[in-house]
N, C-alpha and C. Protein backbone atom coordinates (compact mmCIF):
# COMPACT_ATOMS: atom_id res chain seq x y z
N MET A 1 -36.18 -77.49 -44.43
CA MET A 1 -35.47 -76.41 -44.76
C MET A 1 -33.94 -76.35 -45.03
N SER A 2 -33.71 -76.37 -46.09
CA SER A 2 -31.83 -76.10 -46.07
C SER A 2 -31.00 -75.06 -46.62
N ILE A 3 -30.50 -74.49 -45.81
CA ILE A 3 -29.66 -73.12 -45.19
C ILE A 3 -27.95 -73.59 -45.43
N ARG A 4 -27.42 -72.66 -46.38
CA ARG A 4 -26.44 -72.91 -46.83
C ARG A 4 -25.88 -71.55 -46.14
N LYS A 5 -24.43 -71.80 -45.47
CA LYS A 5 -23.72 -70.80 -45.02
C LYS A 5 -23.87 -69.22 -45.40
N GLY A 6 -23.62 -69.20 -46.89
CA GLY A 6 -24.02 -67.84 -47.77
C GLY A 6 -25.09 -67.33 -47.35
N GLU A 7 -26.44 -68.08 -47.39
CA GLU A 7 -27.48 -67.64 -47.03
C GLU A 7 -27.69 -66.93 -45.84
N MET A 8 -27.13 -67.08 -44.56
CA MET A 8 -27.38 -66.99 -43.28
C MET A 8 -26.45 -65.52 -43.43
N GLU A 9 -27.70 -64.85 -42.66
CA GLU A 9 -27.48 -63.13 -42.50
C GLU A 9 -27.12 -62.99 -40.53
N TYR A 10 -27.69 -63.90 -40.22
CA TYR A 10 -27.75 -63.73 -38.59
C TYR A 10 -26.71 -64.52 -38.07
N LYS A 11 -26.12 -64.21 -37.12
CA LYS A 11 -24.74 -64.92 -36.39
C LYS A 11 -24.97 -64.13 -35.05
N LEU A 12 -24.10 -65.30 -34.11
CA LEU A 12 -23.56 -65.12 -32.50
C LEU A 12 -21.99 -65.37 -32.96
N VAL A 13 -21.55 -64.13 -31.96
CA VAL A 13 -20.16 -64.39 -32.20
C VAL A 13 -19.71 -64.70 -30.55
N VAL A 14 -18.93 -65.72 -30.13
CA VAL A 14 -18.04 -65.50 -29.02
C VAL A 14 -16.69 -65.32 -29.08
N VAL A 15 -16.22 -64.28 -28.59
CA VAL A 15 -15.02 -63.93 -28.35
C VAL A 15 -14.34 -64.72 -27.23
N VAL A 16 -13.09 -65.51 -27.05
CA VAL A 16 -12.76 -66.39 -26.07
C VAL A 16 -11.21 -65.75 -25.69
N ARG A 17 -10.49 -65.38 -23.95
CA ARG A 17 -9.70 -65.28 -24.40
C ARG A 17 -8.58 -66.01 -24.15
N ASP A 18 -7.53 -65.99 -24.93
CA ASP A 18 -6.43 -66.84 -25.56
C ASP A 18 -5.69 -67.38 -24.22
N ASP A 19 -5.37 -66.05 -23.78
CA ASP A 19 -4.24 -66.05 -22.54
C ASP A 19 -4.67 -66.76 -21.38
N LEU A 20 -5.85 -67.20 -21.36
CA LEU A 20 -6.14 -67.92 -20.24
C LEU A 20 -5.78 -69.57 -20.50
N LYS A 21 -5.85 -69.77 -21.48
CA LYS A 21 -5.11 -71.53 -22.16
C LYS A 21 -6.26 -72.28 -21.18
N MET A 22 -7.30 -72.17 -21.14
CA MET A 22 -8.86 -72.77 -20.98
C MET A 22 -8.31 -74.32 -21.52
N SER A 23 -8.58 -75.56 -20.60
CA SER A 23 -8.68 -77.00 -21.09
C SER A 23 -9.83 -76.71 -22.06
N GLY A 24 -10.14 -77.91 -23.03
CA GLY A 24 -10.98 -77.56 -24.08
C GLY A 24 -12.19 -77.95 -23.67
N GLY A 25 -12.58 -78.54 -22.27
CA GLY A 25 -13.93 -78.40 -21.82
C GLY A 25 -14.43 -77.30 -21.33
N LYS A 26 -13.09 -76.69 -20.16
CA LYS A 26 -13.75 -75.43 -19.49
C LYS A 26 -14.21 -74.62 -20.73
N LEU A 27 -13.11 -74.04 -22.12
CA LEU A 27 -13.75 -73.69 -22.90
C LEU A 27 -14.81 -73.71 -23.78
N ALA A 28 -15.76 -74.84 -23.40
CA ALA A 28 -16.84 -75.13 -24.17
C ALA A 28 -17.90 -74.94 -23.37
N VAL A 29 -17.67 -75.11 -22.05
CA VAL A 29 -18.23 -74.83 -21.12
C VAL A 29 -18.57 -72.82 -21.10
N GLN A 30 -17.46 -72.60 -21.03
CA GLN A 30 -17.88 -70.78 -21.18
C GLN A 30 -18.44 -70.43 -22.13
N VAL A 31 -18.07 -70.88 -23.27
CA VAL A 31 -19.03 -70.51 -24.79
C VAL A 31 -20.30 -70.78 -24.82
N ALA A 32 -21.00 -71.74 -23.95
CA ALA A 32 -22.01 -72.22 -23.89
C ALA A 32 -22.67 -71.01 -22.95
N HIS A 33 -21.72 -70.83 -22.02
CA HIS A 33 -22.46 -69.76 -21.14
C HIS A 33 -23.05 -68.60 -22.29
N ALA A 34 -21.96 -67.88 -22.66
CA ALA A 34 -21.96 -67.12 -23.58
C ALA A 34 -23.54 -66.86 -24.29
N ALA A 35 -23.17 -68.06 -25.07
CA ALA A 35 -24.25 -68.27 -26.37
C ALA A 35 -25.61 -68.27 -25.82
N VAL A 36 -26.13 -69.06 -24.29
CA VAL A 36 -27.26 -69.00 -24.10
C VAL A 36 -27.32 -67.47 -23.53
N SER A 37 -26.55 -67.16 -22.39
CA SER A 37 -26.84 -65.75 -22.12
C SER A 37 -27.17 -64.75 -23.13
N CYS A 38 -26.42 -64.64 -24.14
CA CYS A 38 -26.87 -63.85 -25.12
C CYS A 38 -28.28 -64.21 -25.85
N ALA A 39 -28.50 -65.20 -26.40
CA ALA A 39 -29.37 -65.67 -27.20
C ALA A 39 -30.78 -65.44 -25.88
N ILE A 40 -31.09 -65.39 -24.87
CA ILE A 40 -31.88 -65.14 -23.83
C ILE A 40 -32.08 -63.78 -24.18
N GLN A 41 -31.26 -62.87 -23.83
CA GLN A 41 -30.94 -61.51 -24.09
C GLN A 41 -31.80 -61.16 -25.21
N ALA A 42 -31.22 -61.36 -26.22
CA ALA A 42 -31.91 -61.07 -27.79
C ALA A 42 -33.28 -61.21 -27.43
N LYS A 43 -33.53 -62.77 -27.31
CA LYS A 43 -35.03 -63.14 -27.11
C LYS A 43 -36.14 -61.91 -26.58
N ALA A 44 -35.37 -61.25 -25.52
CA ALA A 44 -36.18 -60.34 -24.86
C ALA A 44 -36.04 -58.97 -25.41
N ARG A 45 -35.10 -58.24 -25.68
CA ARG A 45 -34.83 -57.24 -26.45
C ARG A 45 -34.84 -56.94 -27.67
N LYS A 46 -34.07 -57.81 -28.70
CA LYS A 46 -34.28 -57.79 -29.94
C LYS A 46 -34.87 -59.17 -30.81
N THR A 47 -36.10 -59.15 -30.52
CA THR A 47 -37.23 -60.05 -30.97
C THR A 47 -36.92 -60.81 -32.17
N ASP A 48 -36.72 -59.55 -33.32
CA ASP A 48 -36.78 -59.73 -34.48
C ASP A 48 -35.36 -60.08 -35.06
N TRP A 49 -34.23 -59.68 -34.60
CA TRP A 49 -32.81 -60.52 -34.59
C TRP A 49 -32.96 -61.84 -34.23
N PHE A 50 -33.46 -62.07 -32.64
CA PHE A 50 -32.99 -63.81 -32.31
C PHE A 50 -34.43 -64.52 -33.11
N SER A 51 -35.59 -64.11 -33.46
CA SER A 51 -36.34 -64.98 -34.85
C SER A 51 -35.62 -65.57 -36.10
N SER A 52 -34.67 -64.24 -36.54
CA SER A 52 -34.01 -64.89 -37.46
C SER A 52 -32.87 -65.62 -37.19
N TRP A 53 -32.29 -65.37 -36.42
CA TRP A 53 -30.98 -65.92 -36.22
C TRP A 53 -31.59 -67.40 -36.19
N PHE A 54 -32.53 -67.62 -35.66
CA PHE A 54 -33.09 -69.17 -34.68
C PHE A 54 -33.63 -69.69 -36.07
N LYS A 55 -34.42 -69.21 -36.96
CA LYS A 55 -34.84 -69.98 -38.00
C LYS A 55 -33.56 -70.43 -39.32
N GLU A 56 -32.40 -69.42 -39.05
CA GLU A 56 -31.37 -69.81 -39.66
C GLU A 56 -30.64 -71.10 -39.47
N GLY A 57 -30.54 -71.20 -38.09
CA GLY A 57 -29.98 -72.55 -37.92
C GLY A 57 -28.84 -72.10 -36.74
N GLN A 58 -29.23 -71.05 -35.95
CA GLN A 58 -28.43 -70.22 -34.88
C GLN A 58 -27.16 -70.53 -35.19
N ARG A 59 -26.50 -69.29 -36.10
CA ARG A 59 -24.91 -70.25 -36.73
C ARG A 59 -24.10 -69.53 -35.20
N LYS A 60 -23.24 -69.98 -34.82
CA LYS A 60 -22.09 -69.40 -33.85
C LYS A 60 -20.84 -69.90 -34.58
N VAL A 61 -19.82 -68.13 -34.14
CA VAL A 61 -18.76 -68.55 -33.99
C VAL A 61 -17.68 -68.13 -33.26
N VAL A 62 -16.78 -68.68 -32.85
CA VAL A 62 -15.63 -68.37 -32.20
C VAL A 62 -14.69 -68.06 -32.49
N VAL A 63 -14.46 -66.78 -31.97
CA VAL A 63 -12.73 -66.17 -31.87
C VAL A 63 -12.09 -66.18 -30.87
N LYS A 64 -11.01 -65.51 -30.95
CA LYS A 64 -10.05 -65.26 -29.82
C LYS A 64 -9.37 -64.03 -29.68
N VAL A 65 -9.06 -63.32 -28.41
CA VAL A 65 -8.19 -62.29 -27.97
C VAL A 65 -7.23 -62.51 -27.16
N LYS A 66 -6.01 -61.79 -27.24
CA LYS A 66 -4.98 -62.12 -26.33
C LYS A 66 -4.95 -61.77 -24.93
N SER A 67 -5.88 -60.80 -24.91
CA SER A 67 -6.35 -60.05 -23.39
C SER A 67 -7.80 -59.62 -22.65
N LEU A 68 -7.81 -59.67 -21.54
CA LEU A 68 -8.78 -59.18 -20.93
C LEU A 68 -9.55 -57.66 -21.56
N GLU A 69 -8.05 -56.84 -21.74
CA GLU A 69 -8.26 -55.96 -22.19
C GLU A 69 -8.92 -55.41 -23.22
N GLU A 70 -8.66 -56.34 -23.79
CA GLU A 70 -9.08 -56.55 -25.72
C GLU A 70 -10.97 -56.83 -25.35
N LEU A 71 -11.01 -58.14 -24.59
CA LEU A 71 -12.78 -58.22 -24.88
C LEU A 71 -13.37 -57.32 -24.12
N VAL A 72 -12.82 -56.35 -23.11
CA VAL A 72 -13.49 -55.34 -23.00
C VAL A 72 -13.94 -54.28 -23.63
N ALA A 73 -12.64 -53.90 -24.65
CA ALA A 73 -12.89 -52.78 -25.69
C ALA A 73 -14.00 -53.21 -26.47
N LEU A 74 -14.05 -54.92 -27.23
CA LEU A 74 -14.94 -54.95 -27.84
C LEU A 74 -16.37 -55.53 -27.27
N ARG A 75 -16.29 -55.40 -25.85
CA ARG A 75 -17.85 -55.43 -24.86
C ARG A 75 -18.32 -53.95 -25.46
N GLU A 76 -17.64 -52.94 -25.09
CA GLU A 76 -17.76 -51.45 -25.09
C GLU A 76 -18.13 -51.06 -26.93
N ARG A 77 -17.66 -51.50 -27.58
CA ARG A 77 -17.99 -51.23 -29.29
C ARG A 77 -19.33 -52.10 -29.45
N ALA A 78 -19.83 -53.35 -28.93
CA ALA A 78 -21.10 -53.88 -28.77
C ALA A 78 -22.10 -53.36 -28.69
N ALA A 79 -21.82 -53.04 -27.42
CA ALA A 79 -23.00 -51.97 -26.19
C ALA A 79 -23.12 -50.58 -27.06
N ARG A 80 -22.32 -49.83 -27.39
CA ARG A 80 -22.62 -48.86 -28.51
C ARG A 80 -23.51 -49.15 -29.47
N ALA A 81 -23.21 -50.45 -30.25
CA ALA A 81 -23.91 -50.71 -31.53
C ALA A 81 -25.33 -51.29 -31.44
N GLY A 82 -25.16 -51.28 -29.86
CA GLY A 82 -26.65 -51.72 -29.23
C GLY A 82 -26.90 -53.09 -29.77
N ILE A 83 -26.10 -54.25 -29.79
CA ILE A 83 -25.80 -55.52 -30.27
C ILE A 83 -26.15 -55.94 -28.53
N PRO A 84 -26.93 -57.22 -28.49
CA PRO A 84 -27.04 -57.68 -27.53
C PRO A 84 -25.55 -58.56 -26.85
N ASN A 85 -25.14 -58.30 -25.65
CA ASN A 85 -23.38 -59.13 -25.40
C ASN A 85 -23.36 -59.07 -23.80
N GLU A 86 -22.69 -60.21 -23.58
CA GLU A 86 -22.47 -60.91 -22.30
C GLU A 86 -21.29 -60.95 -21.82
N LEU A 87 -20.55 -60.30 -21.02
CA LEU A 87 -19.03 -61.25 -20.84
C LEU A 87 -19.55 -61.86 -19.23
N ILE A 88 -18.82 -63.18 -19.56
CA ILE A 88 -18.63 -64.28 -18.91
C ILE A 88 -17.88 -64.41 -17.92
N THR A 89 -18.24 -64.32 -16.40
CA THR A 89 -16.68 -64.77 -15.67
C THR A 89 -17.33 -65.85 -15.04
N ASP A 90 -16.19 -66.68 -14.53
CA ASP A 90 -16.02 -67.79 -14.00
C ASP A 90 -15.87 -67.98 -12.61
N ALA A 91 -16.80 -68.57 -11.95
CA ALA A 91 -17.14 -68.97 -10.50
C ALA A 91 -15.45 -69.75 -9.74
N GLY A 92 -14.87 -69.98 -10.39
CA GLY A 92 -13.45 -70.50 -9.63
C GLY A 92 -13.64 -71.78 -9.38
N LEU A 93 -14.53 -72.44 -9.39
CA LEU A 93 -14.47 -73.88 -8.90
C LEU A 93 -13.52 -74.87 -9.62
N THR A 94 -13.55 -74.52 -10.36
CA THR A 94 -12.24 -75.83 -11.26
C THR A 94 -10.92 -74.88 -11.62
N GLU A 95 -10.66 -74.57 -12.45
CA GLU A 95 -9.20 -74.57 -13.13
C GLU A 95 -8.89 -73.39 -13.01
N LEU A 96 -9.78 -72.21 -13.12
CA LEU A 96 -9.31 -70.63 -13.13
C LEU A 96 -9.74 -70.09 -11.36
N PRO A 97 -9.02 -68.58 -11.18
CA PRO A 97 -9.53 -68.26 -9.96
C PRO A 97 -10.34 -68.01 -10.24
N PRO A 98 -11.33 -67.68 -8.56
CA PRO A 98 -12.32 -66.88 -8.91
C PRO A 98 -12.65 -65.47 -9.85
N ASN A 99 -13.93 -65.33 -10.27
CA ASN A 99 -14.23 -64.23 -10.79
C ASN A 99 -13.39 -63.56 -11.94
N THR A 100 -12.70 -64.46 -12.81
CA THR A 100 -11.93 -64.94 -14.16
C THR A 100 -12.99 -64.45 -14.93
N THR A 101 -12.85 -63.38 -16.03
CA THR A 101 -13.77 -63.00 -17.18
C THR A 101 -12.95 -63.89 -18.08
N THR A 102 -14.19 -64.57 -18.71
CA THR A 102 -13.29 -65.72 -19.98
C THR A 102 -13.54 -65.41 -21.06
N CYS A 103 -14.74 -65.16 -21.40
CA CYS A 103 -15.03 -64.50 -23.06
C CYS A 103 -16.06 -63.47 -23.13
N LEU A 104 -16.62 -63.20 -23.92
CA LEU A 104 -17.73 -62.26 -24.49
C LEU A 104 -18.35 -62.67 -25.22
N GLY A 105 -19.94 -62.98 -25.30
CA GLY A 105 -20.65 -63.09 -26.40
C GLY A 105 -21.21 -61.97 -26.90
N ILE A 106 -21.56 -62.19 -28.60
CA ILE A 106 -22.10 -61.02 -29.11
C ILE A 106 -23.02 -61.47 -30.05
N GLY A 107 -24.17 -60.78 -29.53
CA GLY A 107 -25.10 -60.96 -31.07
C GLY A 107 -26.34 -62.00 -30.45
N PRO A 108 -27.39 -62.66 -30.91
CA PRO A 108 -27.35 -62.69 -32.15
C PRO A 108 -28.00 -61.57 -32.74
N ALA A 109 -27.15 -61.32 -34.23
CA ALA A 109 -27.38 -59.77 -34.55
C ALA A 109 -27.10 -59.93 -36.38
N PRO A 110 -27.50 -59.07 -37.09
CA PRO A 110 -27.27 -59.50 -38.20
C PRO A 110 -25.48 -59.21 -38.49
N GLY A 111 -25.04 -60.20 -39.25
CA GLY A 111 -23.53 -60.10 -39.78
C GLY A 111 -22.69 -58.51 -39.70
N SER A 112 -23.84 -57.91 -40.02
CA SER A 112 -23.33 -56.74 -40.84
C SER A 112 -23.31 -55.74 -39.97
N HIS A 113 -23.54 -56.06 -38.72
CA HIS A 113 -23.51 -55.16 -37.30
C HIS A 113 -22.49 -56.08 -36.43
N ILE A 114 -22.16 -57.12 -36.62
CA ILE A 114 -21.56 -57.74 -36.04
C ILE A 114 -19.54 -57.81 -36.32
N ASP A 115 -19.63 -57.98 -37.99
CA ASP A 115 -18.21 -58.13 -38.32
C ASP A 115 -17.92 -56.85 -38.28
N PRO A 116 -18.07 -55.86 -38.18
CA PRO A 116 -16.88 -54.63 -38.10
C PRO A 116 -16.19 -54.38 -36.74
N ILE A 117 -17.01 -55.15 -35.72
CA ILE A 117 -16.55 -55.30 -34.30
C ILE A 117 -15.56 -56.84 -34.31
N THR A 118 -15.77 -58.00 -35.09
CA THR A 118 -14.89 -59.12 -34.71
C THR A 118 -14.71 -59.69 -36.00
N GLY A 119 -14.96 -59.07 -37.15
CA GLY A 119 -14.83 -59.82 -38.75
C GLY A 119 -13.17 -60.11 -38.36
N SER A 120 -12.28 -59.20 -37.70
CA SER A 120 -10.78 -59.05 -38.25
C SER A 120 -10.18 -60.39 -37.35
N LEU A 121 -11.18 -60.87 -36.38
CA LEU A 121 -10.10 -61.63 -35.21
C LEU A 121 -9.94 -63.26 -35.36
N PRO A 122 -9.02 -63.71 -35.17
CA PRO A 122 -8.83 -64.88 -35.68
C PRO A 122 -9.35 -66.05 -35.11
N LEU A 123 -10.07 -66.98 -35.48
CA LEU A 123 -11.19 -68.43 -35.05
C LEU A 123 -10.50 -68.79 -34.12
N ALA A 124 -10.88 -69.03 -32.97
CA ALA A 124 -10.56 -69.49 -31.62
C ALA A 124 -10.27 -71.49 -32.02
């Protein structure tokens, strides 16, 4: 089955902190943590959203914010909207201090639910 971008209704958005200036490898690992955590949460709590997202090809989008405060505000909006979400905090074993919050996963959910929260953010 071939699905084109315009036909995909569901997505998972990961919002990263641009102020941390993580290396590419560190950023990739943090985004992966967020995607996996949100997918597991959605599979348990929003089974229909998870199944639809998975069947469509698991679209993921990575965007950025400038601060921890912006990240926390987005998390609160996602939680109020009933969208699966997960803040990711680094253990501090490599390039960041312990307990640094690096990113936020939101979804998977219909784009119509996520876009009002993250749609204006720039791509990372």
